[in-house]
Amino acid sequence: MSLSGSRTRWVSDFFSYETTKSVVVKSWVVGVVNRGVQLLILAYFVGWVFLHEKAYQVRDTAIESSVVTKVKGVGRYAGQVMDTADYVTPPQGTSVFVVVTKQIRTENQAQGVCPESEAAFHCSADRDCRELRVPGVLTGRCVPYNTTLRSCEIQGWCPPERHPLSSSPIMLEAENFTLLIKNSIRFPLFGFEKTNLPPPGSGIELGRCRFHPQLQPLCPILRLGDVARLAGQDFPVLAATGGVLGIKIGWVCDLDQAWERCLPRYSFTRLDSLARTPAPGYNFRHARYYRWPNGSERRTLIKAFGIRFDVLVYGSAGKFGIVPTLINTGDSGLAPWGSRGSPQHGGTVLCDIILLNFLKGAEHYKARKFEEVRHGDGVPWRWRHLRGAGSDPPGAVTHPAPISCPTGVRGCPAHHPRQPQGVSPRGTGGQLPGQAIH
C-alpha cells in the first residue's frame, strides 16, 4: 500500500464513530441472571445506601461543644481529710482534669548544696561524679550521704526528693466520688442545640440518679469506680500507678425525627498504653512555696499520682436534602434505568460476558452484536479514487458477511444462500442494514 493510501486510511479510521447496537436475546439463562443482578444492586442501594447510610441527608460533622465538670466527694489521706480543692486539678472544671490518689511529699526544701539521693549517683571518689542529668547542678564532689554511703553533691533544692513508693498510702475513697458532666452541643449547619442534662418531666431526678449503661443511660452523674470498671480497669491498681481514662460522649442525630430522639451515648476507654512503656501510669510534680520567719524561701515538692479524665465529644447530624437525594438517586440507578452505573448497566456487563463466552452459539451472538458499517452512500468519485480501485462504487450498500447460524440456537430463521443472514437491501418493507432480528 502506498504512503498516500495508508495515510488516507489512517485519517478515515481516526474519524470513525461508534454507536450502540441493541440486541434482544430470548434466553431464560441470560434473562434470569440479568434480572437477578439488577435486583441485588437495587436492594444494595435501597437497603444499605439509602436506609442504613441515609444518603438522602445533608450531613454536618462540625459539632461545636462545651464541657463543664464537677467532682464531689470527701476522702482521707495520710491522716488528713481531703476535699475537692485538695485532690482535683485544675480546679476550673474543664474537660480534662486529674483526681490525685497518691502523693510523695518532700517537705521544707531550700536552695543549697546536698548529696543526691538516687542510687545512680553513689560514688567512692570525686572522679565518679560525672556530668549527668539530675534535679540540680553537680559540684563534682563526692560527699557522705549517710554513715555507710557516699553520693555526688548537687546544688539546688535540698533535701532531694526520695521515692518511698511502697509506703505511700492510696486514697481508695476516690472510687465512690461522683462526677457531673454538663455538655452542650450545637450543629451550626442546622442551628440545632441541645444539652446532655435531662429536661424537666423526663423522669430523671438529677440529684439522685447515677449513670448505668442499661438502667440510667442518660444520667450525667457518674461514679468514678464505675467509669474505671466500664473502661476495663481495676480501680485500686489504677489509683496506685495513675492512668488516663477517656469518657466519650457521642451525638449521632437524625434531625428528620423528633427533637427528643437526639440523645447522647456514653462510652469509656483507657487512653494511655500500658504495653512497651518504661514509665507506666500517670504522675506529675508541683510545688507549694512559702517563706520562713527569717525570710528564706522554702517549698514542699509533691509528686502526685492520679487518674486523668479526658471528656471527648464527637458527633454528626443529618437532615433531608433535595440535592444529595437527587445525586445519590441518579448514581444508584433509581433514576430512569439504563444509565451508566445503574443496576441495568451492572447486569448487562455480566450478561454480555456469559452470552459472548459461555453460551452455545457465542460466535453467532458476537456477529450480531458487533457490526462494522462503512460509509458508501454518496461518496464522491475523488474520495473513492483515493481509497483505491477496490473501493465500493457510489451508491453501493455494504452488507455484513453472511453469518452462520449454529444448530439449536433460537431465533435463527432460514435464509437464502445469496442473501446475508439478518440483513436485507434498503427497499419497501425491507429491513435496514445492521438492524437486529428479534
Protein backbone atom coordinates (compact mmCIF):
# COMPACT_ATOMS: atom_id res chain seq x y z
CA MET A 1 0.00 0.00 0.00
CA SER A 2 1.30 3.43 -0.94
CA LEU A 3 2.14 6.04 1.68
CA SER A 4 -0.73 8.23 0.46
CA GLY A 5 -3.24 5.38 0.70
CA SER A 6 -2.03 4.42 4.18
CA ARG A 7 -2.29 7.99 5.38
CA THR A 8 -5.79 8.32 3.92
CA ARG A 9 -6.87 5.10 5.60
CA TRP A 10 -5.48 6.29 8.94
CA VAL A 11 -7.42 9.55 8.65
CA SER A 12 -10.58 7.60 7.82
CA ASP A 13 -10.15 5.29 10.82
CA PHE A 14 -9.36 8.20 13.15
CA PHE A 15 -12.60 10.00 12.31
CA SER A 16 -14.77 6.89 12.68
CA TYR A 17 -17.72 6.83 15.07
CA GLU A 18 -19.02 4.08 17.34
CA THR A 19 -22.69 3.77 18.26
CA THR A 20 -24.59 1.34 20.45
CA LYS A 21 -26.46 -1.51 18.87
CA SER A 22 -29.24 -3.19 20.85
CA VAL A 23 -29.73 -6.93 20.52
CA VAL A 24 -32.67 -8.63 22.23
CA VAL A 25 -31.76 -12.19 23.27
CA LYS A 26 -34.57 -14.58 24.12
CA SER A 27 -32.75 -16.74 26.69
CA TRP A 28 -34.01 -17.87 30.09
CA VAL A 29 -30.49 -18.26 31.47
CA VAL A 30 -29.32 -14.78 30.50
CA GLY A 31 -32.66 -13.22 31.45
CA VAL A 32 -32.67 -14.71 34.96
CA VAL A 33 -29.05 -13.65 35.54
CA ASN A 34 -29.78 -10.14 34.24
CA ARG A 35 -32.83 -9.57 36.46
CA GLY A 36 -31.14 -11.20 39.46
CA VAL A 37 -28.12 -8.89 39.25
CA GLN A 38 -30.40 -5.88 38.83
CA LEU A 39 -32.41 -6.80 41.93
CA LEU A 40 -29.25 -7.35 44.01
CA ILE A 41 -27.81 -3.98 43.03
CA LEU A 42 -31.15 -2.27 43.60
CA ALA A 43 -31.52 -3.90 47.04
CA TYR A 44 -27.99 -2.78 47.98
CA PHE A 45 -28.66 0.86 47.10
CA VAL A 46 -32.11 0.97 48.70
CA GLY A 47 -31.29 -1.05 51.82
CA TRP A 48 -27.71 -0.01 52.58
CA VAL A 49 -27.02 3.30 50.85
CA PHE A 50 -30.38 4.96 51.44
CA LEU A 51 -31.94 3.35 54.52
CA HIS A 52 -28.83 2.45 56.54
CA GLU A 53 -26.34 5.15 55.46
CA LYS A 54 -29.09 7.75 54.85
CA ALA A 55 -27.61 9.02 51.61
CA TYR A 56 -30.62 11.30 51.17
CA GLN A 57 -29.48 13.54 54.04
CA VAL A 58 -27.22 16.56 54.31
CA ARG A 59 -24.57 15.81 56.95
CA ASP A 60 -22.99 18.15 59.49
CA THR A 61 -19.93 16.77 61.31
CA ALA A 62 -18.55 20.12 62.56
CA ILE A 63 -20.01 19.74 66.04
CA GLU A 64 -19.48 22.63 68.48
CA SER A 65 -19.20 21.55 72.09
CA SER A 66 -18.50 22.83 75.60
CA VAL A 67 -17.85 20.67 78.67
CA VAL A 68 -18.06 21.62 82.36
CA THR A 69 -17.18 19.05 85.03
CA LYS A 70 -17.63 18.94 88.80
CA VAL A 71 -16.25 16.27 91.16
CA LYS A 72 -17.75 15.71 94.61
CA GLY A 73 -16.55 13.56 97.50
CA VAL A 74 -14.50 13.57 100.71
CA GLY A 75 -11.68 11.15 101.47
CA ARG A 76 -8.88 10.52 103.95
CA TYR A 77 -5.20 10.54 103.05
CA ALA A 78 -2.25 10.23 105.46
CA GLY A 79 -4.45 11.14 108.41
CA GLN A 80 -5.92 14.20 106.71
CA VAL A 81 -9.42 14.81 105.34
CA MET A 82 -9.23 15.68 101.63
CA ASP A 83 -11.92 17.58 99.76
CA THR A 84 -12.27 18.61 96.13
CA ALA A 85 -9.87 21.54 96.45
CA ASP A 86 -7.15 19.15 97.69
CA TYR A 87 -7.30 16.38 95.09
CA VAL A 88 -8.74 17.87 91.84
CA THR A 89 -6.50 19.78 89.45
CA PRO A 90 -7.06 22.07 87.66
CA PRO A 91 -9.92 23.39 89.78
CA GLN A 92 -11.77 25.17 86.94
CA GLY A 93 -13.85 22.13 85.97
CA THR A 94 -12.59 21.69 82.41
CA SER A 95 -12.97 18.70 80.09
CA VAL A 96 -9.53 17.40 81.20
CA PHE A 97 -8.84 17.08 84.92
CA VAL A 98 -6.96 14.88 87.40
CA VAL A 99 -8.11 13.23 90.61
CA VAL A 100 -4.99 12.77 92.77
CA THR A 101 -4.98 9.43 94.60
CA LYS A 102 -1.38 9.21 95.92
CA GLN A 103 1.34 11.73 96.83
CA ILE A 104 5.04 11.69 97.64
CA ARG A 105 5.95 14.84 99.59
CA THR A 106 9.37 16.36 100.15
CA GLU A 107 8.95 18.97 102.88
CA ASN A 108 10.93 22.14 103.61
CA GLN A 109 13.18 22.27 100.57
CA ALA A 110 15.56 25.24 100.39
CA GLN A 111 18.28 26.36 97.99
CA GLY A 112 21.70 24.94 98.91
CA VAL A 113 24.08 22.00 98.39
CA CYS A 114 23.39 18.40 99.42
CA PRO A 115 24.17 14.81 98.38
CA GLU A 116 21.97 13.34 95.64
CA SER A 117 19.62 10.62 96.86
CA GLU A 118 19.40 8.48 93.71
CA ALA A 119 21.42 5.26 93.66
CA ALA A 120 22.91 6.11 90.26
CA PHE A 121 24.95 8.89 91.91
CA HIS A 122 26.57 6.84 94.63
CA CYS A 123 30.34 7.29 94.48
CA SER A 124 33.61 6.46 96.17
CA ALA A 125 35.71 9.41 94.93
CA ASP A 126 35.26 12.78 93.22
CA ARG A 127 36.20 11.28 89.84
CA ASP A 128 32.99 9.21 89.90
CA CYS A 129 30.79 12.32 89.81
CA ARG A 130 30.28 12.88 86.12
CA GLU A 131 28.09 15.43 84.34
CA LEU A 132 24.70 13.70 84.29
CA ARG A 133 21.14 14.95 84.30
CA VAL A 134 19.98 15.46 87.89
CA PRO A 135 17.48 17.77 89.63
CA GLY A 136 20.31 20.23 90.27
CA VAL A 137 23.90 21.06 89.27
CA LEU A 138 26.72 18.64 90.12
CA THR A 139 29.52 20.26 92.09
CA GLY A 140 31.96 17.46 91.27
CA ARG A 141 32.46 16.44 94.90
CA CYS A 142 31.77 13.01 96.43
CA VAL A 143 30.37 13.59 99.93
CA PRO A 144 28.88 11.34 102.64
CA TYR A 145 25.18 10.53 102.16
CA ASN A 146 24.80 8.62 105.43
CA THR A 147 27.05 6.63 107.74
CA THR A 148 27.72 3.95 105.11
CA LEU A 149 27.19 5.54 101.66
CA ARG A 150 28.71 8.41 99.74
CA SER A 151 27.00 10.30 96.90
CA CYS A 152 27.71 13.08 94.41
CA GLU A 153 26.94 16.54 95.70
CA ILE A 154 24.45 18.79 93.88
CA GLN A 155 23.47 22.42 94.11
CA GLY A 156 19.71 23.06 94.02
CA TRP A 157 16.64 22.40 96.18
CA CYS A 158 17.67 20.42 99.25
CA PRO A 159 16.99 17.90 100.65
CA PRO A 160 16.49 15.95 97.36
CA GLU A 161 13.35 14.00 96.56
CA ARG A 162 13.06 10.46 97.86
CA HIS A 163 10.88 7.67 96.45
CA PRO A 164 9.24 5.56 99.19
CA LEU A 165 6.68 4.07 96.78
CA SER A 166 5.84 1.03 98.88
CA SER A 167 4.97 3.04 101.97
CA SER A 168 2.89 5.73 100.21
CA PRO A 169 -0.83 5.46 101.06
CA ILE A 170 -3.61 5.47 98.44
CA MET A 171 -6.88 7.36 98.72
CA LEU A 172 -9.22 4.49 97.86
CA GLU A 173 -12.29 6.54 98.86
CA ALA A 174 -11.98 8.19 95.43
CA GLU A 175 -13.73 5.13 93.98
CA ASN A 176 -17.02 6.46 95.38
CA PHE A 177 -16.54 10.07 94.27
CA THR A 178 -19.08 11.34 91.74
CA LEU A 179 -18.53 13.28 88.55
CA LEU A 180 -21.13 15.59 87.00
CA ILE A 181 -20.65 16.30 83.27
CA LYS A 182 -22.52 19.20 81.68
CA ASN A 183 -22.17 19.02 77.91
CA SER A 184 -23.77 21.48 75.47
CA ILE A 185 -23.54 20.84 71.73
CA ARG A 186 -24.53 22.67 68.56
CA PHE A 187 -24.67 21.72 64.89
CA PRO A 188 -24.14 25.08 63.14
CA LEU A 189 -25.34 23.93 59.71
CA PHE A 190 -28.85 23.31 61.05
CA GLY A 191 -28.79 25.67 64.05
CA PHE A 192 -29.56 22.70 66.31
CA GLU A 193 -28.65 22.96 70.01
CA LYS A 194 -29.01 20.55 72.90
CA THR A 195 -27.53 19.59 76.28
CA ASN A 196 -26.99 16.25 77.99
CA LEU A 197 -28.86 17.36 81.13
CA PRO A 198 -32.28 15.67 81.32
CA PRO A 199 -35.12 18.16 80.71
CA PRO A 200 -37.88 18.69 83.27
CA GLY A 201 -40.52 16.00 83.07
CA SER A 202 -38.12 13.37 81.71
CA GLY A 203 -38.46 11.22 84.83
CA ILE A 204 -34.76 11.55 85.75
CA GLU A 205 -34.08 13.21 89.10
CA LEU A 206 -30.70 14.85 88.60
CA GLY A 207 -29.74 14.99 92.28
CA ARG A 208 -30.23 11.26 92.89
CA CYS A 209 -29.57 9.43 89.64
CA ARG A 210 -26.32 7.59 88.89
CA PHE A 211 -25.23 6.56 85.43
CA HIS A 212 -25.83 2.95 84.46
CA PRO A 213 -25.44 1.74 80.84
CA GLN A 214 -28.78 -0.13 80.92
CA LEU A 215 -30.83 1.33 83.78
CA GLN A 216 -29.83 5.02 83.65
CA PRO A 217 -28.02 5.62 80.31
CA LEU A 218 -28.90 9.34 80.23
CA CYS A 219 -27.90 10.31 83.78
CA PRO A 220 -24.94 12.76 83.60
CA ILE A 221 -23.64 11.88 87.11
CA LEU A 222 -21.04 9.13 87.06
CA ARG A 223 -19.32 7.24 89.87
CA LEU A 224 -15.52 7.17 89.36
CA GLY A 225 -15.34 3.48 90.24
CA ASP A 226 -17.95 2.73 87.56
CA VAL A 227 -16.01 4.71 84.97
CA ALA A 228 -12.88 2.65 85.67
CA ARG A 229 -14.85 -0.61 85.60
CA LEU A 230 -16.60 0.21 82.32
CA ALA A 231 -13.19 1.04 80.85
CA GLY A 232 -11.98 -2.43 81.87
CA GLN A 233 -9.70 -1.26 84.71
CA ASP A 234 -9.18 -2.22 88.36
CA PHE A 235 -9.60 0.96 90.38
CA PRO A 236 -7.13 0.18 93.25
CA VAL A 237 -4.37 -0.66 90.74
CA LEU A 238 -5.21 2.40 88.68
CA ALA A 239 -5.15 4.63 91.76
CA ALA A 240 -1.71 3.32 92.78
CA THR A 241 0.07 3.88 89.45
CA GLY A 242 -2.13 6.50 87.81
CA GLY A 243 -3.59 6.41 84.32
CA VAL A 244 -5.65 8.22 81.69
CA LEU A 245 -9.32 7.35 81.14
CA GLY A 246 -11.46 8.62 78.29
CA ILE A 247 -15.16 9.43 78.68
CA LYS A 248 -16.59 9.68 75.17
CA ILE A 249 -19.94 11.35 74.52
CA GLY A 250 -21.39 10.65 71.09
CA TRP A 251 -24.12 12.69 69.44
CA VAL A 252 -25.31 10.93 66.27
CA CYS A 253 -28.65 12.56 65.45
CA ASP A 254 -31.26 12.14 62.74
CA LEU A 255 -32.89 15.56 62.63
CA ASP A 256 -35.73 14.27 60.46
CA GLN A 257 -37.05 12.73 63.67
CA ALA A 258 -38.28 14.47 66.81
CA TRP A 259 -36.01 16.73 68.88
CA GLU A 260 -36.26 14.32 71.83
CA ARG A 261 -34.75 11.48 69.77
CA CYS A 262 -31.33 13.17 69.63
CA LEU A 263 -29.67 11.64 72.71
CA PRO A 264 -26.07 11.31 73.93
CA ARG A 265 -24.32 7.95 74.18
CA TYR A 266 -21.54 7.40 76.72
CA SER A 267 -18.58 5.06 76.28
CA PHE A 268 -15.38 4.57 78.26
CA THR A 269 -11.83 3.51 77.47
CA ARG A 270 -8.28 3.75 78.75
CA LEU A 271 -6.26 6.15 76.62
CA ASP A 272 -2.69 5.56 77.79
CA SER A 273 -0.96 2.33 76.79
CA LEU A 274 0.47 0.01 79.41
CA ALA A 275 2.46 -2.08 76.95
CA ARG A 276 6.02 -1.26 75.87
CA THR A 277 6.40 1.78 78.06
CA PRO A 278 9.26 2.36 80.52
CA ALA A 279 7.09 4.52 82.79
CA PRO A 280 3.54 3.14 83.03
CA GLY A 281 0.85 5.13 84.76
CA TYR A 282 0.40 8.86 85.17
CA ASN A 283 2.11 11.28 87.57
CA PHE A 284 3.28 14.88 87.70
CA ARG A 285 5.11 17.21 90.10
CA HIS A 286 4.10 20.53 91.54
CA ALA A 287 5.29 22.64 94.48
CA ARG A 288 3.84 24.89 97.18
CA TYR A 289 6.06 27.86 98.05
CA TYR A 290 6.21 29.75 101.33
CA ARG A 291 8.66 31.81 103.43
CA TRP A 292 10.05 31.13 106.84
CA PRO A 293 10.10 33.85 109.51
CA ASN A 294 13.73 34.61 108.67
CA GLY A 295 12.71 35.47 105.09
CA SER A 296 14.20 32.40 103.36
CA GLU A 297 12.08 30.81 100.64
CA ARG A 298 11.00 27.23 101.17
CA ARG A 299 8.82 24.83 99.23
CA THR A 300 7.06 21.48 99.55
CA LEU A 301 7.61 19.32 96.46
CA ILE A 302 4.72 16.98 95.67
CA LYS A 303 4.92 14.08 93.23
CA ALA A 304 1.26 13.31 92.55
CA PHE A 305 -0.15 10.07 91.14
CA GLY A 306 -3.70 10.20 89.90
CA ILE A 307 -6.33 9.35 87.33
CA ARG A 308 -6.67 11.80 84.48
CA PHE A 309 -10.09 12.02 82.87
CA ASP A 310 -10.49 13.26 79.30
CA VAL A 311 -14.08 14.04 78.25
CA LEU A 312 -14.20 13.65 74.45
CA VAL A 313 -17.24 14.80 72.46
CA TYR A 314 -17.94 13.75 68.87
CA GLY A 315 -21.00 13.62 66.68
CA SER A 316 -22.77 14.22 63.40
CA ALA A 317 -26.27 15.22 62.36
CA GLY A 318 -28.24 14.54 59.20
CA LYS A 319 -31.31 16.09 57.68
CA PHE A 320 -33.18 15.52 54.42
CA GLY A 321 -31.81 17.48 51.48
CA ILE A 322 -33.04 17.53 47.90
CA VAL A 323 -29.54 17.85 46.41
CA PRO A 324 -27.98 14.68 47.93
CA THR A 325 -31.23 12.83 47.26
CA LEU A 326 -31.12 13.62 43.54
CA ILE A 327 -27.38 12.96 43.26
CA ASN A 328 -27.48 9.60 45.02
CA THR A 329 -30.67 8.59 43.25
CA GLY A 330 -29.00 9.13 39.89
CA ASP A 331 -25.80 7.38 40.93
CA SER A 332 -27.64 4.41 42.39
CA GLY A 333 -29.69 3.76 39.29
CA LEU A 334 -33.06 4.65 40.78
CA ALA A 335 -33.29 7.26 38.05
CA PRO A 336 -34.51 6.05 34.62
CA TRP A 337 -32.97 2.62 34.13
CA GLY A 338 -30.34 2.18 31.52
CA SER A 339 -27.91 4.93 32.55
CA ARG A 340 -24.30 4.03 33.12
CA GLY A 341 -23.79 2.95 36.71
CA SER A 342 -27.41 1.78 37.10
CA PRO A 343 -28.50 -1.75 38.06
CA GLN A 344 -29.37 -2.47 34.42
CA HIS A 345 -25.86 -1.50 33.32
CA GLY A 346 -24.35 -3.74 36.00
CA GLY A 347 -26.49 -6.67 34.84
CA THR A 348 -25.65 -6.01 31.18
CA VAL A 349 -21.92 -6.35 31.77
CA LEU A 350 -22.26 -9.76 33.44
CA CYS A 351 -24.82 -11.00 30.92
CA ASP A 352 -22.60 -9.97 27.99
CA ILE A 353 -19.75 -11.99 29.46
CA ILE A 354 -21.98 -15.08 29.76
CA LEU A 355 -23.65 -14.55 26.40
CA LEU A 356 -20.49 -13.97 24.35
CA ASN A 357 -18.25 -16.54 26.02
CA PHE A 358 -20.13 -19.40 27.67
CA LEU A 359 -23.48 -19.99 25.96
CA LYS A 360 -23.95 -22.22 22.95
CA GLY A 361 -23.77 -20.11 19.80
CA ALA A 362 -21.47 -17.46 21.26
CA GLU A 363 -19.92 -16.69 17.86
CA HIS A 364 -23.36 -16.12 16.40
CA TYR A 365 -24.20 -13.62 19.15
CA LYS A 366 -20.87 -11.86 18.68
CA ALA A 367 -21.57 -11.41 14.98
CA ARG A 368 -24.99 -9.95 15.73
CA LYS A 369 -23.76 -7.63 18.48
CA PHE A 370 -20.65 -6.19 16.79
CA GLU A 371 -21.06 -4.93 13.21
CA GLU A 372 -18.94 -2.59 11.09
CA VAL A 373 -20.69 -0.30 8.58
CA ARG A 374 -18.55 1.58 6.08
CA HIS A 375 -19.58 4.89 4.59
CA GLY A 376 -20.52 4.22 0.95
CA ASP A 377 -23.63 6.16 0.04
CA GLY A 378 -22.97 9.42 -1.78
CA VAL A 379 -19.17 9.21 -1.68
CA PRO A 380 -17.57 11.48 -4.33
CA TRP A 381 -15.51 9.89 -7.11
CA ARG A 382 -12.41 11.70 -5.91
CA TRP A 383 -12.65 10.14 -2.45
CA ARG A 384 -13.33 6.71 -3.97
CA HIS A 385 -10.30 7.17 -6.21
CA LEU A 386 -8.15 7.96 -3.18
CA ARG A 387 -9.38 4.81 -1.45
CA GLY A 388 -8.21 2.68 -4.38
CA ALA A 389 -9.66 0.57 -7.09
CA GLY A 390 -11.17 -1.86 -4.63
CA SER A 391 -13.47 0.76 -3.12
CA ASP A 392 -17.22 0.40 -3.34
CA PRO A 393 -18.88 2.36 -6.17
CA PRO A 394 -21.03 5.37 -5.36
CA GLY A 395 -24.45 4.40 -4.11
CA ALA A 396 -23.38 0.89 -3.12
CA VAL A 397 -24.53 -0.53 0.18
CA THR A 398 -22.07 -2.64 2.12
CA HIS A 399 -23.58 -5.72 3.74
CA PRO A 400 -22.02 -7.68 6.55
CA ALA A 401 -20.57 -11.06 5.76
CA PRO A 402 -23.00 -13.98 5.86
CA ILE A 403 -23.43 -15.28 9.37
CA SER A 404 -23.65 -18.95 10.06
CA CYS A 405 -26.40 -19.87 12.48
CA PRO A 406 -25.44 -22.58 14.97
CA THR A 407 -27.68 -25.56 15.22
CA GLY A 408 -30.19 -25.31 18.01
CA VAL A 409 -29.90 -21.55 18.59
CA ARG A 410 -33.28 -19.94 18.96
CA GLY A 411 -34.10 -17.05 16.65
CA CYS A 412 -32.13 -18.18 13.55
CA PRO A 413 -34.53 -18.32 10.58
CA ALA A 414 -33.71 -19.99 7.31
CA HIS A 415 -32.03 -17.73 4.75
CA HIS A 416 -31.21 -17.69 1.07
CA PRO A 417 -27.63 -18.71 0.26
CA ARG A 418 -27.03 -15.46 -1.61
CA GLN A 419 -28.64 -13.21 0.98
CA PRO A 420 -26.65 -12.41 4.17
CA GLN A 421 -28.44 -13.60 7.30
CA GLY A 422 -30.24 -10.85 9.19
CA VAL A 423 -29.59 -8.04 6.63
CA SER A 424 -31.63 -7.09 3.56
CA PRO A 425 -31.11 -4.30 0.98
CA ARG A 426 -32.84 -0.99 1.51
CA GLY A 427 -36.31 -1.17 0.00
CA THR A 428 -40.02 -1.20 0.64
CA GLY A 429 -40.79 -3.37 3.61
CA GLY A 430 -37.16 -4.47 3.79
CA GLN A 431 -35.03 -4.40 6.88
CA LEU A 432 -32.35 -1.74 7.29
CA PRO A 433 -28.73 -2.84 7.13
CA GLY A 434 -27.38 -3.62 10.57
CA GLN A 435 -30.83 -3.82 12.21
CA ALA A 436 -31.12 -6.63 14.75
CA ILE A 437 -33.51 -9.50 14.24
CA HIS A 438 -35.61 -10.20 17.32
